[in-house]
Structure formats: structure tokens, C-alpha cells
Amino acid sequence: MIYIVMGVSGCGKSSFGAFLSEKVTFYSHIPLQSCLCPHITSSSPVSIHQLGWPLYEGDDFHPQENVEKMARGEPLTDKDRLPWLLKLHEVIQRERCSGSDAVVVCSALKCHYRQILLYGSKALTFSSSPDQEILPPITADVFFLFLHGDYDLIHQRMKSRRGHYMKADLLRSQFDVLEPPLEGENVLSLDIRRSITDMAMEVEKHIIGLKSSPVMP
């Protein structure tokens, strides 16, 4: 399974992605007759899985030109973002093809950007030729975790952080570009006013639901 942690700059993607990669554990119930732990009743939750999934931080995949542009306070264009998105698509495909799990951090602001992450260059062909065959549906092993919050809250967070090349003045341009994902895009929306632990618990519930679903690979 691949979780893509998305949202505007300053919403907490990197921190949340790191937390998920290292900390999230989901729980299952051991049957009453369990021979391994006979003292545990069927109502006792037992930790059975800790993610420990590899984390791919999208900022690390930006070409130097993009980093320098953002550091100057200039917003990126679609052309600037394309090589970056294609690199992340390669990462996602590699992990999927190997049957591995991973957490990917990427702003993924536009629907088209998310399509590039999922389909790579096929999404470019589709966008330039509307008569082309419709892209296949999103598979059940890739989900977007959309971290959302209001502008003032995120802007305040950005002004207080240190050492990041992304300037707080660029936040407005990110909100202008943002196209919140729709339900059909396999998205779990998370309100950043909640604690990081609370949001992680929502992801735990999501994992449990997927693992118990008959359509989950």
C-alpha cells in the first residue's frame, strides 16, 4: 500500500509522514482460543503491525533549480513541477511493482498533478488529447492523505518555522492552485487542527478497514 501525504506547504506533511512511517501501529483481536496467548480474551486488543514503511520526502526530489526559485520567493509553474512529479511517479511505481508499502510526501495540489503521480507520462497524453481513452480507475493500493486547514493557521506555522527554503509569502499561491481531491480519488481528509496522534489514529482505522476488505490485494 502507498500513502501519499498531500496538502499545501506548511500543513505538516513532512512531520506527519515521518510519524506514520515510524510510529503507526494498528490493532487486531486475538481469538479467545489463541494458543499463543491463552490469557488474552477475544476483547483484548493486541498490536500486530507497525508500519516502519520507507518514507519518500518529496522535497528531496526537487531539482536544484526549483529549490532556488522557491527560495527567491517565486512560485513554481506546471513546467517546473513536471520532472519532479515524474520522479515521484517512478518511486511509487517501483514500490507498487515490488509489492512494498511506502509513505510518499508530496503537495499534489492539482488533480492533474495527482494523475501524473499515479500514471506518469500517460497522464500527459490524456490531458493533451481529451479524445484519448480514459485513464484507468485508481487502484485500491494507493491512497491520498489530504491534510487541510485554513490559510491563517498554516501561514502562522510557516512564519514560525526555520531553515526551510519555502517562503511563507508563497502560501497564497499554493491555495490559489489547490484543487482539493474528490472522493473518487481515494482520499482520506485530515483536519490539521487535530493532533498528529489523532490523525494517525484515523489512518490506523483506515488500514484496518482496507485489510479487512475483500477487495484489498
N, C-alpha and C. Protein backbone atom coordinates (compact mmCIF):
# COMPACT_ATOMS: atom_id res chain seq x y z
N MET A 1 0.83 -1.19 0.00
CA MET A 1 0.00 0.00 0.00
C MET A 1 0.87 1.25 0.00
N ILE A 2 0.43 2.26 -0.73
CA ILE A 2 1.14 3.52 -0.79
C ILE A 2 0.22 4.61 -0.25
N TYR A 3 0.71 5.36 0.73
CA TYR A 3 0.01 6.54 1.20
C TYR A 3 0.77 7.77 0.71
N ILE A 4 0.06 8.66 0.00
CA ILE A 4 0.64 9.92 -0.45
C ILE A 4 0.09 11.02 0.45
N VAL A 5 0.97 11.60 1.28
CA VAL A 5 0.56 12.67 2.19
C VAL A 5 0.64 13.98 1.42
N MET A 6 -0.50 14.65 1.27
CA MET A 6 -0.57 15.81 0.39
C MET A 6 -1.18 17.02 1.10
N GLY A 7 -1.00 18.19 0.48
CA GLY A 7 -1.53 19.44 1.01
C GLY A 7 -0.58 20.58 0.72
N VAL A 8 -0.99 21.78 1.03
CA VAL A 8 -0.16 22.95 0.77
C VAL A 8 1.06 22.95 1.69
N SER A 9 2.04 23.74 1.32
CA SER A 9 3.23 23.89 2.16
C SER A 9 2.84 24.41 3.54
N GLY A 10 3.48 23.84 4.57
CA GLY A 10 3.23 24.30 5.93
C GLY A 10 2.10 23.58 6.63
N CYS A 11 1.41 22.66 5.96
CA CYS A 11 0.29 21.96 6.60
C CYS A 11 0.76 20.83 7.50
N GLY A 12 2.05 20.48 7.45
CA GLY A 12 2.57 19.44 8.32
C GLY A 12 2.79 18.10 7.63
N LYS A 13 2.92 18.10 6.31
CA LYS A 13 3.07 16.85 5.56
C LYS A 13 4.29 16.06 6.00
N SER A 14 5.43 16.74 6.08
CA SER A 14 6.68 16.03 6.38
C SER A 14 6.65 15.43 7.78
N SER A 15 6.18 16.20 8.73
CA SER A 15 6.11 15.71 10.11
C SER A 15 5.16 14.53 10.23
N PHE A 16 4.01 14.65 9.56
CA PHE A 16 3.03 13.58 9.64
C PHE A 16 3.51 12.34 8.90
N GLY A 17 4.14 12.54 7.74
CA GLY A 17 4.68 11.40 7.01
C GLY A 17 5.72 10.65 7.82
N ALA A 18 6.61 11.40 8.49
CA ALA A 18 7.63 10.76 9.32
C ALA A 18 6.99 10.02 10.49
N PHE A 19 5.98 10.61 11.09
CA PHE A 19 5.29 9.98 12.21
C PHE A 19 4.64 8.67 11.76
N LEU A 20 3.97 8.70 10.61
CA LEU A 20 3.33 7.48 10.10
C LEU A 20 4.37 6.40 9.81
N SER A 21 5.44 6.80 9.16
CA SER A 21 6.46 5.83 8.77
C SER A 21 7.06 5.10 9.97
N GLU A 22 7.19 5.82 11.08
CA GLU A 22 7.88 5.25 12.24
C GLU A 22 6.95 4.71 13.31
N LYS A 23 5.75 5.30 13.45
CA LYS A 23 5.00 5.08 14.67
C LYS A 23 3.69 4.32 14.54
N VAL A 24 3.02 4.43 13.38
CA VAL A 24 1.65 3.92 13.34
C VAL A 24 1.60 2.41 13.51
N THR A 25 0.79 1.98 14.44
CA THR A 25 0.54 0.58 14.70
C THR A 25 -0.95 0.37 14.67
N PHE A 26 -1.41 -0.69 14.00
CA PHE A 26 -2.83 -0.96 14.10
C PHE A 26 -3.04 -2.24 14.87
N TYR A 27 -4.25 -2.45 15.30
CA TYR A 27 -4.56 -3.48 16.26
C TYR A 27 -5.58 -4.48 15.71
N SER A 28 -5.48 -5.70 16.21
CA SER A 28 -6.43 -6.73 15.88
C SER A 28 -6.77 -7.48 17.15
N HIS A 29 -7.82 -8.28 17.10
CA HIS A 29 -8.22 -9.03 18.28
C HIS A 29 -7.80 -10.49 18.13
N ILE A 30 -7.09 -10.99 19.11
CA ILE A 30 -6.69 -12.39 19.13
C ILE A 30 -7.89 -13.23 19.55
N PRO A 31 -8.19 -14.33 18.85
CA PRO A 31 -9.32 -15.17 19.24
C PRO A 31 -9.15 -15.71 20.65
N LEU A 32 -10.27 -16.00 21.28
CA LEU A 32 -10.26 -16.50 22.65
C LEU A 32 -9.45 -17.78 22.76
N GLN A 33 -9.47 -18.59 21.71
CA GLN A 33 -8.79 -19.89 21.75
C GLN A 33 -7.33 -19.81 21.37
N SER A 34 -6.79 -18.62 21.28
CA SER A 34 -5.40 -18.48 20.85
C SER A 34 -4.47 -19.31 21.71
N CYS A 35 -3.70 -20.16 21.07
CA CYS A 35 -2.76 -21.00 21.83
C CYS A 35 -1.50 -20.24 22.16
N LEU A 36 -1.22 -19.14 21.41
CA LEU A 36 -0.02 -18.37 21.67
C LEU A 36 -0.16 -17.53 22.93
N CYS A 37 -1.35 -16.96 23.14
CA CYS A 37 -1.59 -16.10 24.29
C CYS A 37 -2.91 -16.51 24.94
N PRO A 38 -2.95 -17.63 25.62
CA PRO A 38 -4.21 -18.14 26.17
C PRO A 38 -4.83 -17.23 27.20
N HIS A 39 -4.04 -16.32 27.81
CA HIS A 39 -4.58 -15.43 28.82
C HIS A 39 -5.31 -14.24 28.23
N ILE A 40 -5.22 -14.06 26.90
CA ILE A 40 -5.84 -12.92 26.25
C ILE A 40 -7.24 -13.28 25.79
N THR A 41 -8.23 -12.50 26.16
CA THR A 41 -9.60 -12.75 25.73
C THR A 41 -9.82 -12.15 24.36
N SER A 42 -10.97 -12.48 23.77
CA SER A 42 -11.27 -12.01 22.43
C SER A 42 -11.47 -10.50 22.38
N SER A 43 -11.64 -9.86 23.52
CA SER A 43 -11.84 -8.42 23.54
C SER A 43 -10.55 -7.66 23.82
N SER A 44 -9.43 -8.37 23.91
CA SER A 44 -8.16 -7.71 24.21
C SER A 44 -7.46 -7.30 22.93
N PRO A 45 -7.20 -6.00 22.73
CA PRO A 45 -6.51 -5.57 21.52
C PRO A 45 -5.03 -5.91 21.61
N VAL A 46 -4.47 -6.46 20.54
CA VAL A 46 -3.07 -6.84 20.51
C VAL A 46 -2.43 -6.21 19.28
N SER A 47 -1.32 -5.50 19.49
CA SER A 47 -0.62 -4.87 18.38
C SER A 47 -0.07 -5.94 17.46
N ILE A 48 -0.42 -5.87 16.18
CA ILE A 48 0.05 -6.90 15.26
C ILE A 48 0.89 -6.33 14.12
N HIS A 49 0.96 -5.00 14.00
CA HIS A 49 1.71 -4.45 12.86
C HIS A 49 2.14 -3.02 13.14
N GLN A 50 3.39 -2.75 12.94
CA GLN A 50 3.89 -1.38 12.99
C GLN A 50 4.43 -1.05 11.62
N LEU A 51 4.05 0.12 11.11
CA LEU A 51 4.36 0.41 9.71
C LEU A 51 5.84 0.21 9.39
N GLY A 52 6.68 1.10 9.89
CA GLY A 52 8.09 1.01 9.52
C GLY A 52 8.28 1.08 8.01
N TRP A 53 7.34 1.75 7.33
CA TRP A 53 7.42 1.84 5.88
C TRP A 53 8.46 2.87 5.48
N PRO A 54 9.11 2.68 4.33
CA PRO A 54 10.04 3.70 3.85
C PRO A 54 9.31 5.01 3.58
N LEU A 55 9.97 6.10 3.88
CA LEU A 55 9.41 7.44 3.69
C LEU A 55 10.14 8.14 2.55
N TYR A 56 9.40 8.63 1.59
CA TYR A 56 9.97 9.38 0.48
C TYR A 56 9.49 10.83 0.60
N GLU A 57 10.41 11.71 0.95
CA GLU A 57 10.10 13.13 1.14
C GLU A 57 10.20 13.84 -0.20
N GLY A 58 9.06 14.37 -0.66
CA GLY A 58 9.02 14.99 -1.97
C GLY A 58 10.01 16.11 -2.16
N ASP A 59 10.28 16.88 -1.11
CA ASP A 59 11.23 18.00 -1.22
C ASP A 59 12.60 17.53 -1.69
N ASP A 60 12.95 16.30 -1.35
CA ASP A 60 14.28 15.77 -1.71
C ASP A 60 14.40 15.47 -3.20
N PHE A 61 13.28 15.44 -3.91
CA PHE A 61 13.29 15.09 -5.32
C PHE A 61 13.21 16.30 -6.24
N HIS A 62 13.08 17.49 -5.67
CA HIS A 62 13.05 18.70 -6.49
C HIS A 62 14.43 18.94 -7.12
N PRO A 63 14.48 19.31 -8.40
CA PRO A 63 15.76 19.74 -8.98
C PRO A 63 16.21 21.03 -8.30
N GLN A 64 17.50 21.27 -8.32
CA GLN A 64 18.06 22.43 -7.63
C GLN A 64 17.45 23.73 -8.13
N GLU A 65 17.12 23.77 -9.41
CA GLU A 65 16.52 24.98 -9.97
C GLU A 65 15.21 25.33 -9.27
N ASN A 66 14.42 24.31 -8.94
CA ASN A 66 13.16 24.55 -8.25
C ASN A 66 13.39 25.08 -6.84
N VAL A 67 14.36 24.48 -6.16
CA VAL A 67 14.67 24.90 -4.80
C VAL A 67 15.10 26.37 -4.78
N GLU A 68 15.98 26.73 -5.72
CA GLU A 68 16.46 28.10 -5.78
C GLU A 68 15.33 29.07 -6.13
N LYS A 69 14.43 28.66 -6.98
CA LYS A 69 13.32 29.51 -7.37
C LYS A 69 12.40 29.78 -6.18
N MET A 70 12.07 28.73 -5.42
CA MET A 70 11.22 28.90 -4.25
C MET A 70 11.91 29.73 -3.18
N ALA A 71 13.23 29.54 -3.04
CA ALA A 71 13.98 30.32 -2.06
C ALA A 71 13.97 31.81 -2.38
N ARG A 72 13.82 32.14 -3.68
CA ARG A 72 13.72 33.54 -4.09
C ARG A 72 12.30 34.09 -3.93
N GLY A 73 11.39 33.22 -3.52
CA GLY A 73 10.01 33.66 -3.34
C GLY A 73 9.18 33.59 -4.60
N GLU A 74 9.64 32.79 -5.59
CA GLU A 74 8.91 32.66 -6.85
C GLU A 74 8.14 31.35 -6.87
N PRO A 75 6.84 31.38 -7.14
CA PRO A 75 6.06 30.13 -7.20
C PRO A 75 6.46 29.29 -8.40
N LEU A 76 6.36 27.97 -8.24
CA LEU A 76 6.68 27.06 -9.33
C LEU A 76 5.53 27.01 -10.34
N THR A 77 5.88 26.77 -11.59
CA THR A 77 4.89 26.59 -12.65
C THR A 77 4.66 25.09 -12.88
N ASP A 78 3.67 24.78 -13.70
CA ASP A 78 3.44 23.37 -14.06
C ASP A 78 4.68 22.78 -14.72
N LYS A 79 5.34 23.58 -15.56
CA LYS A 79 6.55 23.10 -16.23
C LYS A 79 7.65 22.80 -15.22
N ASP A 80 7.77 23.63 -14.19
CA ASP A 80 8.78 23.39 -13.15
C ASP A 80 8.50 22.09 -12.41
N ARG A 81 7.24 21.82 -12.16
CA ARG A 81 6.86 20.68 -11.33
C ARG A 81 6.90 19.35 -12.07
N LEU A 82 6.81 19.38 -13.39
CA LEU A 82 6.67 18.14 -14.15
C LEU A 82 7.79 17.12 -13.90
N PRO A 83 9.09 17.49 -14.04
CA PRO A 83 10.15 16.49 -13.80
C PRO A 83 10.09 15.92 -12.38
N TRP A 84 9.75 16.77 -11.43
CA TRP A 84 9.63 16.37 -10.02
C TRP A 84 8.52 15.33 -9.85
N LEU A 85 7.36 15.60 -10.43
CA LEU A 85 6.24 14.67 -10.32
C LEU A 85 6.54 13.34 -10.99
N LEU A 86 7.22 13.39 -12.13
CA LEU A 86 7.57 12.14 -12.82
C LEU A 86 8.56 11.30 -12.02
N LYS A 87 9.48 11.95 -11.33
CA LYS A 87 10.41 11.20 -10.47
C LYS A 87 9.66 10.50 -9.35
N LEU A 88 8.72 11.21 -8.76
CA LEU A 88 7.94 10.60 -7.67
C LEU A 88 7.05 9.48 -8.20
N HIS A 89 6.55 9.63 -9.41
CA HIS A 89 5.78 8.54 -10.03
C HIS A 89 6.64 7.28 -10.14
N GLU A 90 7.89 7.45 -10.54
CA GLU A 90 8.78 6.30 -10.65
C GLU A 90 8.97 5.61 -9.30
N VAL A 91 9.08 6.41 -8.25
CA VAL A 91 9.22 5.84 -6.90
C VAL A 91 7.97 5.04 -6.53
N ILE A 92 6.82 5.64 -6.78
CA ILE A 92 5.56 4.97 -6.44
C ILE A 92 5.41 3.68 -7.22
N GLN A 93 5.71 3.72 -8.51
CA GLN A 93 5.59 2.52 -9.33
C GLN A 93 6.56 1.43 -8.90
N ARG A 94 7.76 1.82 -8.56
CA ARG A 94 8.75 0.84 -8.11
C ARG A 94 8.27 0.12 -6.86
N GLU A 95 7.74 0.89 -5.91
CA GLU A 95 7.26 0.28 -4.66
C GLU A 95 6.03 -0.59 -4.92
N ARG A 96 5.15 -0.13 -5.78
CA ARG A 96 3.95 -0.93 -6.10
C ARG A 96 4.32 -2.23 -6.80
N CYS A 97 5.21 -2.14 -7.78
CA CYS A 97 5.57 -3.33 -8.55
C CYS A 97 6.29 -4.37 -7.70
N SER A 98 6.99 -3.90 -6.68
CA SER A 98 7.69 -4.83 -5.79
C SER A 98 6.79 -5.35 -4.67
N GLY A 99 5.55 -4.85 -4.64
CA GLY A 99 4.62 -5.28 -3.60
C GLY A 99 4.92 -4.67 -2.25
N SER A 100 5.67 -3.58 -2.24
CA SER A 100 6.09 -2.96 -0.99
C SER A 100 5.10 -1.88 -0.55
N ASP A 101 5.20 -1.50 0.72
CA ASP A 101 4.43 -0.39 1.28
C ASP A 101 5.35 0.82 1.39
N ALA A 102 4.77 2.02 1.32
CA ALA A 102 5.59 3.22 1.44
C ALA A 102 4.72 4.42 1.76
N VAL A 103 5.36 5.44 2.33
CA VAL A 103 4.73 6.73 2.56
C VAL A 103 5.46 7.75 1.69
N VAL A 104 4.71 8.48 0.87
CA VAL A 104 5.28 9.50 -0.02
C VAL A 104 4.70 10.85 0.38
N VAL A 105 5.57 11.83 0.54
CA VAL A 105 5.13 13.19 0.89
C VAL A 105 5.25 14.06 -0.35
N CYS A 106 4.11 14.63 -0.76
CA CYS A 106 4.10 15.46 -1.97
C CYS A 106 2.89 16.38 -1.90
N SER A 107 3.06 17.64 -2.25
CA SER A 107 1.95 18.59 -2.17
C SER A 107 0.77 18.17 -3.04
N ALA A 108 1.03 17.68 -4.26
CA ALA A 108 -0.01 17.13 -5.14
C ALA A 108 -1.23 18.05 -5.21
N LEU A 109 -1.00 19.32 -5.47
CA LEU A 109 -2.05 20.33 -5.31
C LEU A 109 -3.18 20.21 -6.33
N LYS A 110 -2.85 19.90 -7.57
CA LYS A 110 -3.86 19.82 -8.62
C LYS A 110 -4.24 18.37 -8.91
N CYS A 111 -5.46 18.21 -9.43
CA CYS A 111 -5.89 16.88 -9.85
C CYS A 111 -4.93 16.32 -10.90
N HIS A 112 -4.49 17.18 -11.83
CA HIS A 112 -3.56 16.73 -12.87
C HIS A 112 -2.23 16.27 -12.26
N TYR A 113 -1.76 16.94 -11.24
CA TYR A 113 -0.52 16.52 -10.58
C TYR A 113 -0.70 15.12 -9.99
N ARG A 114 -1.85 14.89 -9.38
CA ARG A 114 -2.10 13.58 -8.77
C ARG A 114 -2.20 12.49 -9.83
N GLN A 115 -2.73 12.84 -10.99
CA GLN A 115 -2.77 11.87 -12.09
C GLN A 115 -1.37 11.53 -12.58
N ILE A 116 -0.49 12.53 -12.62
CA ILE A 116 0.90 12.26 -13.02
C ILE A 116 1.57 11.34 -12.00
N LEU A 117 1.32 11.57 -10.72
CA LEU A 117 1.89 10.70 -9.70
C LEU A 117 1.44 9.25 -9.90
N LEU A 118 0.20 9.07 -10.31
CA LEU A 118 -0.35 7.73 -10.46
C LEU A 118 -0.03 7.09 -11.81
N TYR A 119 -0.06 7.88 -12.88
CA TYR A 119 0.03 7.31 -14.22
C TYR A 119 1.25 7.76 -15.01
N GLY A 120 2.03 8.68 -14.48
CA GLY A 120 3.22 9.14 -15.17
C GLY A 120 2.91 9.84 -16.47
N SER A 121 3.67 9.54 -17.52
CA SER A 121 3.52 10.23 -18.80
C SER A 121 2.18 9.96 -19.46
N LYS A 122 1.51 8.87 -19.08
CA LYS A 122 0.18 8.60 -19.65
C LYS A 122 -0.79 9.74 -19.32
N ALA A 123 -0.63 10.31 -18.14
CA ALA A 123 -1.50 11.43 -17.75
C ALA A 123 -1.26 12.64 -18.63
N LEU A 124 -0.04 12.82 -19.12
CA LEU A 124 0.27 13.95 -20.00
C LEU A 124 -0.41 13.76 -21.35
N THR A 125 -0.39 12.54 -21.86
CA THR A 125 -1.04 12.24 -23.13
C THR A 125 -2.54 12.47 -23.03
N PHE A 126 -3.11 12.04 -21.91
CA PHE A 126 -4.55 12.18 -21.72
C PHE A 126 -4.95 13.65 -21.64
N SER A 127 -4.17 14.45 -20.91
CA SER A 127 -4.54 15.86 -20.73
C SER A 127 -4.43 16.66 -22.02
N SER A 128 -3.50 16.25 -22.91
CA SER A 128 -3.31 16.98 -24.16
C SER A 128 -4.25 16.49 -25.26
N SER A 129 -4.83 15.31 -25.07
CA SER A 129 -5.73 14.74 -26.07
C SER A 129 -6.98 14.21 -25.38
N PRO A 130 -7.98 15.05 -25.17
CA PRO A 130 -9.18 14.63 -24.46
C PRO A 130 -9.89 13.45 -25.11
N ASP A 131 -9.65 13.21 -26.42
CA ASP A 131 -10.30 12.10 -27.10
C ASP A 131 -9.64 10.76 -26.81
N GLN A 132 -8.51 10.82 -26.10
CA GLN A 132 -7.81 9.59 -25.75
C GLN A 132 -8.65 8.74 -24.80
N GLU A 133 -8.33 7.47 -24.73
CA GLU A 133 -9.04 6.57 -23.82
C GLU A 133 -8.90 7.07 -22.39
N ILE A 134 -9.98 6.97 -21.62
CA ILE A 134 -9.98 7.43 -20.24
C ILE A 134 -8.97 6.64 -19.41
N LEU A 135 -8.30 7.35 -18.51
CA LEU A 135 -7.33 6.70 -17.65
C LEU A 135 -8.02 5.64 -16.80
N PRO A 136 -7.32 4.56 -16.49
CA PRO A 136 -7.93 3.50 -15.67
C PRO A 136 -8.24 4.01 -14.27
N PRO A 137 -9.18 3.36 -13.59
CA PRO A 137 -9.51 3.80 -12.22
C PRO A 137 -8.33 3.62 -11.28
N ILE A 138 -8.31 4.44 -10.25
CA ILE A 138 -7.24 4.36 -9.26
C ILE A 138 -7.32 3.02 -8.53
N THR A 139 -6.19 2.37 -8.40
CA THR A 139 -6.17 1.08 -7.72
C THR A 139 -6.30 1.27 -6.22
N ALA A 140 -6.72 0.20 -5.55
CA ALA A 140 -7.01 0.28 -4.12
C ALA A 140 -5.75 0.31 -3.26
N ASP A 141 -4.57 0.23 -3.88
CA ASP A 141 -3.34 0.21 -3.07
C ASP A 141 -2.65 1.56 -3.02
N VAL A 142 -3.28 2.61 -3.54
CA VAL A 142 -2.72 3.96 -3.45
C VAL A 142 -3.80 4.89 -2.89
N PHE A 143 -3.47 5.57 -1.80
CA PHE A 143 -4.41 6.50 -1.17
C PHE A 143 -3.73 7.83 -0.88
N PHE A 144 -4.51 8.89 -1.05
CA PHE A 144 -4.04 10.23 -0.70
C PHE A 144 -4.54 10.57 0.71
N LEU A 145 -3.64 11.07 1.53
CA LEU A 145 -3.99 11.61 2.83
C LEU A 145 -3.92 13.13 2.71
N PHE A 146 -5.07 13.77 2.66
CA PHE A 146 -5.16 15.21 2.40
C PHE A 146 -5.19 15.98 3.71
N LEU A 147 -4.08 16.65 4.04
CA LEU A 147 -4.00 17.47 5.24
C LEU A 147 -4.51 18.87 4.89
N HIS A 148 -5.62 19.26 5.51
CA HIS A 148 -6.23 20.54 5.15
C HIS A 148 -6.44 21.41 6.39
N GLY A 149 -6.38 22.71 6.16
CA GLY A 149 -6.58 23.69 7.22
C GLY A 149 -6.74 25.06 6.60
N ASP A 150 -7.10 26.06 7.42
CA ASP A 150 -7.32 27.38 6.83
C ASP A 150 -6.01 28.14 6.65
N TYR A 151 -6.08 29.14 5.81
CA TYR A 151 -4.88 29.89 5.41
C TYR A 151 -4.17 30.50 6.60
N ASP A 152 -4.90 31.16 7.49
CA ASP A 152 -4.27 31.88 8.60
C ASP A 152 -3.48 30.95 9.51
N LEU A 153 -4.06 29.79 9.80
CA LEU A 153 -3.37 28.82 10.67
C LEU A 153 -2.07 28.36 10.03
N ILE A 154 -2.13 27.99 8.76
CA ILE A 154 -0.95 27.46 8.08
C ILE A 154 0.10 28.56 7.87
N HIS A 155 -0.37 29.77 7.56
CA HIS A 155 0.57 30.87 7.36
C HIS A 155 1.34 31.16 8.64
N GLN A 156 0.66 31.10 9.78
CA GLN A 156 1.33 31.32 11.06
C GLN A 156 2.37 30.24 11.33
N ARG A 157 2.04 29.02 10.98
CA ARG A 157 3.00 27.92 11.15
C ARG A 157 4.23 28.15 10.28
N MET A 158 4.01 28.58 9.05
CA MET A 158 5.13 28.79 8.15
C MET A 158 6.04 29.92 8.63
N LYS A 159 5.47 30.96 9.18
CA LYS A 159 6.29 32.08 9.66
C LYS A 159 7.14 31.68 10.86
N SER A 160 6.68 30.69 11.62
CA SER A 160 7.41 30.31 12.83
C SER A 160 8.46 29.23 12.58
N ARG A 161 8.42 28.58 11.42
CA ARG A 161 9.40 27.52 11.18
C ARG A 161 10.70 28.12 10.65
N ARG A 162 11.78 27.40 10.86
CA ARG A 162 13.12 27.87 10.49
C ARG A 162 13.81 26.87 9.57
N GLY A 163 14.63 27.40 8.68
CA GLY A 163 15.51 26.55 7.88
C GLY A 163 14.87 25.92 6.65
N HIS A 164 13.66 26.33 6.29
CA HIS A 164 13.03 25.77 5.08
C HIS A 164 13.07 26.79 3.97
N TYR A 165 13.36 26.31 2.74
CA TYR A 165 13.50 27.25 1.63
C TYR A 165 12.17 27.83 1.16
N MET A 166 11.07 27.16 1.50
CA MET A 166 9.76 27.63 1.07
C MET A 166 9.33 28.82 1.92
N LYS A 167 9.14 29.96 1.27
CA LYS A 167 8.80 31.18 1.99
C LYS A 167 7.29 31.23 2.30
N ALA A 168 6.97 31.84 3.46
CA ALA A 168 5.57 31.96 3.86
C ALA A 168 4.78 32.78 2.85
N ASP A 169 5.44 33.70 2.16
CA ASP A 169 4.76 34.54 1.19
C ASP A 169 4.22 33.75 0.00
N LEU A 170 4.73 32.52 -0.20
CA LEU A 170 4.28 31.70 -1.32
C LEU A 170 3.02 30.91 -1.00
N LEU A 171 2.57 30.95 0.25
CA LEU A 171 1.42 30.12 0.64
C LEU A 171 0.18 30.49 -0.15
N ARG A 172 -0.05 31.79 -0.37
CA ARG A 172 -1.24 32.20 -1.11
C ARG A 172 -1.28 31.57 -2.48
N SER A 173 -0.13 31.50 -3.15
CA SER A 173 -0.09 30.91 -4.49
C SER A 173 -0.44 29.42 -4.43
N GLN A 174 -0.10 28.76 -3.33
CA GLN A 174 -0.44 27.34 -3.19
C GLN A 174 -1.95 27.15 -3.00
N PHE A 175 -2.55 28.01 -2.21
CA PHE A 175 -4.00 27.94 -2.04
C PHE A 175 -4.72 28.26 -3.34
N ASP A 176 -4.15 29.18 -4.13
CA ASP A 176 -4.76 29.53 -5.41
C ASP A 176 -4.76 28.34 -6.37
N VAL A 177 -3.71 27.54 -6.30
CA VAL A 177 -3.57 26.39 -7.20
C VAL A 177 -4.33 25.17 -6.68
N LEU A 178 -4.50 25.06 -5.39
CA LEU A 178 -5.05 23.85 -4.76
C LEU A 178 -6.41 23.45 -5.34
N GLU A 179 -6.49 22.18 -5.74
CA GLU A 179 -7.75 21.55 -6.12
C GLU A 179 -7.98 20.39 -5.15
N PRO A 180 -8.78 20.59 -4.10
CA PRO A 180 -8.98 19.51 -3.12
C PRO A 180 -9.43 18.23 -3.80
N PRO A 181 -8.86 17.10 -3.42
CA PRO A 181 -9.22 15.84 -4.07
C PRO A 181 -10.67 15.46 -3.81
N LEU A 182 -11.26 14.82 -4.80
CA LEU A 182 -12.63 14.36 -4.70
C LEU A 182 -12.66 12.93 -4.16
N GLU A 183 -13.83 12.50 -3.76
CA GLU A 183 -13.96 11.18 -3.13
C GLU A 183 -13.46 10.06 -4.05
N GLY A 184 -13.70 10.22 -5.35
CA GLY A 184 -13.28 9.19 -6.29
C GLY A 184 -11.78 9.06 -6.45
N GLU A 185 -11.02 9.94 -5.81
CA GLU A 185 -9.55 9.89 -5.94
C GLU A 185 -8.90 9.08 -4.83
N ASN A 186 -9.68 8.30 -4.10
CA ASN A 186 -9.11 7.50 -3.00
C ASN A 186 -8.43 8.42 -1.98
N VAL A 187 -9.22 9.21 -1.30
CA VAL A 187 -8.66 10.21 -0.39
C VAL A 187 -9.23 10.05 1.01
N LEU A 188 -8.37 10.26 1.99
CA LEU A 188 -8.77 10.37 3.38
C LEU A 188 -8.40 11.78 3.82
N SER A 189 -9.39 12.62 4.14
CA SER A 189 -9.14 14.00 4.52
C SER A 189 -8.89 14.10 6.02
N LEU A 190 -7.87 14.87 6.40
CA LEU A 190 -7.47 15.00 7.80
C LEU A 190 -7.34 16.48 8.15
N ASP A 191 -8.07 16.91 9.17
CA ASP A 191 -8.08 18.30 9.61
C ASP A 191 -6.85 18.55 10.49
N ILE A 192 -6.00 19.49 10.08
CA ILE A 192 -4.74 19.70 10.80
C ILE A 192 -4.92 20.39 12.15
N ARG A 193 -6.15 20.79 12.49
CA ARG A 193 -6.39 21.31 13.84
C ARG A 193 -6.33 20.19 14.86
N ARG A 194 -6.46 18.97 14.40
CA ARG A 194 -6.35 17.82 15.30
C ARG A 194 -4.89 17.52 15.57
N SER A 195 -4.63 16.80 16.63
CA SER A 195 -3.25 16.44 16.96
C SER A 195 -2.74 15.42 15.96
N ILE A 196 -1.43 15.32 15.85
CA ILE A 196 -0.84 14.36 14.93
C ILE A 196 -1.18 12.93 15.33
N THR A 197 -1.35 12.70 16.63
CA THR A 197 -1.73 11.38 17.11
C THR A 197 -3.15 11.03 16.69
N ASP A 198 -4.06 12.00 16.81
CA ASP A 198 -5.45 11.77 16.40
C ASP A 198 -5.53 11.47 14.91
N MET A 199 -4.77 12.22 14.12
CA MET A 199 -4.80 11.97 12.68
C MET A 199 -4.24 10.59 12.35
N ALA A 200 -3.19 10.20 13.07
CA ALA A 200 -2.60 8.88 12.85
C ALA A 200 -3.59 7.78 13.20
N MET A 201 -4.41 8.00 14.21
CA MET A 201 -5.42 7.01 14.58
C MET A 201 -6.44 6.83 13.47
N GLU A 202 -6.76 7.92 12.75
CA GLU A 202 -7.66 7.81 11.61
C GLU A 202 -7.04 6.94 10.52
N VAL A 203 -5.73 7.09 10.33
CA VAL A 203 -5.04 6.27 9.33
C VAL A 203 -5.03 4.81 9.78
N GLU A 204 -4.83 4.56 11.07
CA GLU A 204 -4.87 3.20 11.59
C GLU A 204 -6.21 2.54 11.29
N LYS A 205 -7.29 3.29 11.54
CA LYS A 205 -8.63 2.77 11.26
C LYS A 205 -8.78 2.48 9.77
N HIS A 206 -8.22 3.36 8.96
CA HIS A 206 -8.29 3.18 7.51
C HIS A 206 -7.57 1.92 7.08
N ILE A 207 -6.40 1.68 7.64
CA ILE A 207 -5.64 0.47 7.31
C ILE A 207 -6.42 -0.77 7.71
N ILE A 208 -6.99 -0.75 8.92
CA ILE A 208 -7.76 -1.89 9.39
C ILE A 208 -8.93 -2.17 8.44
N GLY A 209 -9.63 -1.11 8.04
CA GLY A 209 -10.75 -1.28 7.13
C GLY A 209 -10.32 -1.86 5.79
N LEU A 210 -9.17 -1.41 5.27
CA LEU A 210 -8.69 -1.93 3.99
C LEU A 210 -8.25 -3.38 4.10
N LYS A 211 -7.56 -3.70 5.20
CA LYS A 211 -7.08 -5.06 5.38
C LYS A 211 -8.22 -6.06 5.52
N SER A 212 -9.34 -5.60 6.06
CA SER A 212 -10.49 -6.50 6.25
C SER A 212 -11.41 -6.53 5.04
N SER A 213 -11.12 -5.65 4.04
CA SER A 213 -11.96 -5.60 2.85
C SER A 213 -11.62 -6.72 1.90
N PRO A 214 -12.63 -7.38 1.32
CA PRO A 214 -12.35 -8.48 0.38
C PRO A 214 -11.71 -8.03 -0.91
N VAL A 215 -11.76 -6.69 -1.22
CA VAL A 215 -11.17 -6.22 -2.48
C VAL A 215 -9.73 -5.78 -2.29
N MET A 216 -9.25 -5.79 -1.04
CA MET A 216 -7.88 -5.37 -0.78
C MET A 216 -6.93 -6.44 -1.26
N PRO A 217 -5.91 -6.11 -2.11
CA PRO A 217 -4.96 -7.12 -2.63
C PRO A 217 -4.10 -7.68 -1.50
